[in-house]
Amino acid sequence: MAMDRSVLRSIPLFAAMSDAQLDRMTAQASTRRIPQGETVFEQGDQAQVFYLLLHGRLKVTQVTRDGQQIIVRVVHPGDLFGFTRALGRSDYPGTSTAAVDSLVAAWPTASWDGFVADNPHLAMNAIRTIGQRLDEAHTRIREMSTEEVERRVAHAVLRLVERAGRHDGAGLRVDFPISRRDIAEMTGTTLHTVSRILSAWEAQGLVEGGRQKLVVRDRVGLSRLAENVE
């Protein structure tokens, strides 16, 4: 499927590029639909392509040496992913799976150097994006090292609704299927612990759960809990 330059123009990462620069990028792009539950790439695959999520949501998971699966990030529309060149490695460090039916754009990894040589603004925007992801990763590491589990789960849920929350009656609903196991994998804890915490929050009116569903009913109250404010 051909991609029009207006698609990239609407994404902040590419907003400073000229029409000619965008046309050169779209000429090398391919697009691919990813049905819910299918993978874009697997952990350990050779990273010959990098991607941009145009529509949908993706979960990126890693399997640790002891066999534990963790969710390292959620990919949102407008995010680059599979961009291993920035990490100095030749393989994908995780598996990317569609949480809902999704649409991605793809470019050969080898084409990136030419893109940034043609447009330094793209390089600066990409560096800024990578810096934000590192900051998010450091925040999660700090939370897992220093915070009790309930606060970690609260921070994880608040991050989800900040990027993927949609108004749903009296609250914010995460707009893709999210399970208690997913939240456990995001926060480095057990399914049993997350189930206990979310059940208590439901009784307090902070959230509403369900099968593959999460709605935050009291964002202020959840924020106070996350920040340990009485």
Protein backbone atom coordinates (compact mmCIF):
# COMPACT_ATOMS: atom_id res chain seq x y z
CA MET A 1 0.00 0.00 0.00
CA ALA A 2 1.43 3.40 -0.99
CA MET A 3 1.74 6.01 1.74
CA ASP A 4 0.93 9.67 1.24
CA ARG A 5 3.28 12.32 2.65
CA SER A 6 0.37 13.79 4.68
CA VAL A 7 0.45 10.69 6.89
CA LEU A 8 4.01 11.46 8.01
CA ARG A 9 3.37 15.20 8.09
CA SER A 10 0.79 14.67 10.86
CA ILE A 11 3.36 12.97 13.13
CA PRO A 12 5.55 15.31 15.25
CA LEU A 13 8.71 13.31 14.50
CA PHE A 14 8.47 14.30 10.81
CA ALA A 15 6.71 17.66 11.07
CA ALA A 16 9.77 19.78 10.18
CA MET A 17 10.52 17.92 6.94
CA SER A 18 9.90 19.43 3.52
CA ASP A 19 7.55 17.87 0.98
CA ALA A 20 10.53 16.64 -1.04
CA GLN A 21 12.11 15.02 2.03
CA LEU A 22 8.83 13.37 2.98
CA ASP A 23 8.37 12.11 -0.57
CA ARG A 24 11.82 10.47 -0.45
CA MET A 25 10.85 8.74 2.79
CA THR A 26 7.46 7.55 1.59
CA ALA A 27 9.04 6.26 -1.64
CA GLN A 28 11.11 3.80 0.42
CA ALA A 29 8.32 2.87 2.83
CA SER A 30 6.13 -0.18 2.80
CA THR A 31 2.99 -0.62 4.89
CA ARG A 32 1.71 -3.72 6.59
CA ARG A 33 -1.47 -4.60 8.44
CA ILE A 34 -0.93 -6.60 11.63
CA PRO A 35 -4.03 -8.48 12.87
CA GLN A 36 -4.60 -8.56 16.62
CA GLY A 37 -2.38 -11.17 18.26
CA GLU A 38 0.14 -11.42 15.41
CA THR A 39 3.77 -10.39 15.77
CA VAL A 40 5.67 -7.79 13.77
CA PHE A 41 8.99 -9.35 14.77
CA GLU A 42 10.35 -11.82 17.30
CA GLN A 43 13.02 -11.35 19.95
CA GLY A 44 16.38 -12.29 18.46
CA ASP A 45 15.37 -11.80 14.79
CA GLN A 46 17.85 -9.88 12.66
CA ALA A 47 16.78 -6.24 12.58
CA GLN A 48 16.76 -5.50 8.88
CA VAL A 49 13.74 -3.19 9.13
CA PHE A 50 12.56 -0.42 11.47
CA TYR A 51 8.94 0.59 11.91
CA LEU A 52 6.49 3.38 12.61
CA LEU A 53 3.11 2.59 14.13
CA LEU A 54 0.41 4.38 12.12
CA HIS A 55 -2.67 2.92 13.78
CA GLY A 56 -3.43 0.54 16.65
CA ARG A 57 -1.38 -0.51 19.69
CA LEU A 58 1.49 -2.94 20.10
CA LYS A 59 3.00 -4.64 23.14
CA VAL A 60 6.76 -5.24 23.19
CA THR A 61 7.76 -8.17 25.40
CA GLN A 62 11.04 -9.72 26.42
CA VAL A 63 11.76 -13.18 27.78
CA THR A 64 14.43 -13.10 30.46
CA ARG A 65 17.16 -15.71 30.90
CA ASP A 66 15.09 -17.46 33.56
CA GLY A 67 12.11 -17.68 31.20
CA GLN A 68 10.00 -14.88 32.65
CA GLN A 69 8.08 -12.73 30.14
CA ILE A 70 7.86 -9.00 30.80
CA ILE A 71 6.21 -6.16 28.88
CA VAL A 72 8.89 -3.54 28.32
CA ARG A 73 6.73 -0.98 26.53
CA VAL A 74 3.49 -0.26 24.77
CA VAL A 75 3.85 1.22 21.27
CA HIS A 76 1.39 4.00 20.48
CA PRO A 77 0.47 5.60 17.11
CA GLY A 78 3.30 7.84 15.91
CA ASP A 79 6.00 5.85 17.74
CA LEU A 80 9.08 4.44 16.05
CA PHE A 81 9.90 0.89 17.13
CA GLY A 82 12.30 -1.88 16.16
CA PHE A 83 14.87 0.90 15.85
CA THR A 84 17.88 -1.17 16.91
CA ARG A 85 20.41 1.05 15.16
CA ALA A 86 20.06 3.48 18.08
CA LEU A 87 20.97 0.64 20.46
CA GLY A 88 24.03 -0.46 18.51
CA ARG A 89 22.74 -3.99 18.00
CA SER A 90 21.79 -6.07 14.99
CA ASP A 91 18.85 -8.03 16.43
CA TYR A 92 15.52 -7.12 17.96
CA PRO A 93 15.73 -7.15 21.77
CA GLY A 94 12.03 -7.97 22.17
CA THR A 95 8.91 -9.34 20.47
CA SER A 96 6.35 -6.87 19.14
CA THR A 97 2.74 -8.10 19.10
CA ALA A 98 -0.43 -6.32 17.99
CA ALA A 99 -2.77 -5.66 20.94
CA VAL A 100 -5.45 -4.65 18.40
CA ASP A 101 -5.57 -4.68 14.60
CA SER A 102 -2.74 -2.34 13.65
CA LEU A 103 -1.06 -0.68 10.68
CA VAL A 104 2.69 -0.10 10.48
CA ALA A 105 5.06 1.59 8.06
CA ALA A 106 8.45 -0.04 7.51
CA TRP A 107 11.82 1.00 6.12
CA PRO A 108 15.10 -0.88 5.64
CA THR A 109 17.36 -0.22 8.62
CA ALA A 110 20.17 0.67 6.22
CA SER A 111 18.18 3.62 4.88
CA TRP A 112 18.19 5.53 8.19
CA ASP A 113 21.64 7.12 7.72
CA GLY A 114 20.55 8.62 4.42
CA PHE A 115 17.35 9.99 5.96
CA VAL A 116 19.14 11.83 8.76
CA ALA A 117 21.86 13.11 6.41
CA ASP A 118 19.07 14.58 4.29
CA ASN A 119 17.28 16.09 7.29
CA PRO A 120 19.16 16.85 10.56
CA HIS A 121 15.84 17.78 12.22
CA LEU A 122 14.81 14.14 11.93
CA ALA A 123 17.96 13.05 13.75
CA MET A 124 17.35 15.54 16.56
CA ASN A 125 13.71 14.48 16.92
CA ALA A 126 14.75 10.83 16.98
CA ILE A 127 17.38 11.53 19.67
CA ARG A 128 14.73 13.33 21.72
CA THR A 129 12.38 10.35 21.35
CA ILE A 130 15.08 7.89 22.41
CA GLY A 131 15.90 10.10 25.39
CA GLN A 132 12.26 10.05 26.49
CA ARG A 133 12.20 6.26 26.30
CA LEU A 134 15.38 6.00 28.36
CA ASP A 135 13.88 8.32 30.94
CA GLU A 136 10.73 6.15 31.06
CA ALA A 137 12.87 3.02 31.46
CA HIS A 138 14.87 4.61 34.29
CA THR A 139 11.62 5.63 35.99
CA ARG A 140 10.31 2.06 35.85
CA ILE A 141 13.60 0.69 37.19
CA ARG A 142 13.51 3.17 40.06
CA GLU A 143 9.91 2.28 40.85
CA MET A 144 10.67 -1.45 40.91
CA SER A 145 13.71 -0.87 43.10
CA THR A 146 12.22 1.54 45.63
CA GLU A 147 8.40 1.43 45.63
CA GLU A 148 5.93 -1.00 47.09
CA VAL A 149 3.93 -3.00 44.58
CA GLU A 150 0.67 -1.07 44.89
CA ARG A 151 2.36 2.21 43.99
CA ARG A 152 4.13 0.57 41.02
CA VAL A 153 0.83 -0.75 39.70
CA ALA A 154 -0.78 2.68 40.17
CA HIS A 155 2.01 4.36 38.18
CA ALA A 156 1.69 1.76 35.40
CA VAL A 157 -2.08 2.23 35.12
CA LEU A 158 -1.75 6.02 35.10
CA ARG A 159 0.82 5.83 32.28
CA LEU A 160 -1.57 3.67 30.29
CA VAL A 161 -4.49 6.08 30.56
CA GLU A 162 -2.22 9.05 29.84
CA ARG A 163 -1.28 7.64 26.44
CA ALA A 164 -4.21 5.35 25.65
CA GLY A 165 -7.10 6.61 27.78
CA ARG A 166 -10.45 7.40 26.17
CA HIS A 167 -13.38 9.00 28.01
CA ASP A 168 -15.91 6.35 28.96
CA GLY A 169 -18.80 7.69 31.01
CA ALA A 170 -17.32 8.84 34.31
CA GLY A 171 -13.80 7.62 33.64
CA LEU A 172 -10.93 6.88 31.28
CA ARG A 173 -10.84 3.52 29.54
CA VAL A 174 -7.64 2.01 28.19
CA ASP A 175 -8.49 1.75 24.49
CA PHE A 176 -6.95 -1.66 23.84
CA PRO A 177 -7.44 -5.03 25.55
CA ILE A 178 -5.38 -5.10 28.74
CA SER A 179 -5.37 -7.99 31.20
CA ARG A 180 -4.27 -8.30 34.79
CA ARG A 181 -1.46 -10.53 33.60
CA ASP A 182 -0.29 -7.74 31.27
CA ILE A 183 -0.14 -5.32 34.21
CA ALA A 184 1.77 -7.90 36.25
CA GLU A 185 4.30 -8.21 33.40
CA MET A 186 4.63 -4.41 33.25
CA THR A 187 5.33 -4.06 36.95
CA GLY A 188 7.50 -7.09 37.73
CA THR A 189 5.01 -8.73 40.07
CA THR A 190 2.64 -11.70 40.11
CA LEU A 191 -0.82 -12.09 38.63
CA HIS A 192 -2.16 -12.91 42.11
CA THR A 193 -0.81 -9.64 43.54
CA VAL A 194 -2.19 -7.50 40.71
CA SER A 195 -5.59 -9.22 40.97
CA ARG A 196 -5.72 -8.51 44.70
CA ILE A 197 -4.76 -4.84 44.20
CA LEU A 198 -7.23 -4.21 41.37
CA SER A 199 -10.05 -5.93 43.26
CA ALA A 200 -9.40 -3.63 46.23
CA TRP A 201 -9.34 -0.60 43.94
CA GLU A 202 -12.65 -1.64 42.38
CA ALA A 203 -14.20 -1.82 45.86
CA GLN A 204 -12.90 1.72 46.53
CA GLY A 205 -14.29 3.06 43.23
CA LEU A 206 -10.86 3.86 41.80
CA VAL A 207 -11.08 1.55 38.78
CA GLU A 208 -13.47 -0.72 36.97
CA GLY A 209 -12.17 -3.98 35.58
CA GLY A 210 -13.38 -6.80 33.43
CA ARG A 211 -12.12 -9.29 30.90
CA GLN A 212 -9.36 -7.49 28.98
CA LYS A 213 -10.81 -4.18 30.20
CA LEU A 214 -9.59 -1.42 32.50
CA VAL A 215 -11.32 1.89 33.28
CA VAL A 216 -9.92 4.46 35.71
CA ARG A 217 -12.90 6.02 37.51
CA ASP A 218 -10.99 8.21 39.98
CA ARG A 219 -7.78 9.46 38.39
CA VAL A 220 -7.09 11.95 41.19
CA GLY A 221 -7.48 9.28 43.84
CA LEU A 222 -5.22 6.89 41.95
CA SER A 223 -2.62 9.64 41.50
CA ARG A 224 -2.65 10.32 45.26
CA LEU A 225 -2.08 6.64 45.90
CA ALA A 226 0.77 6.49 43.36
CA GLU A 227 2.49 9.46 45.00
CA ASN A 228 1.78 8.13 48.51
CA VAL A 229 -0.25 11.22 49.44
CA GLU A 230 -2.60 10.85 52.39
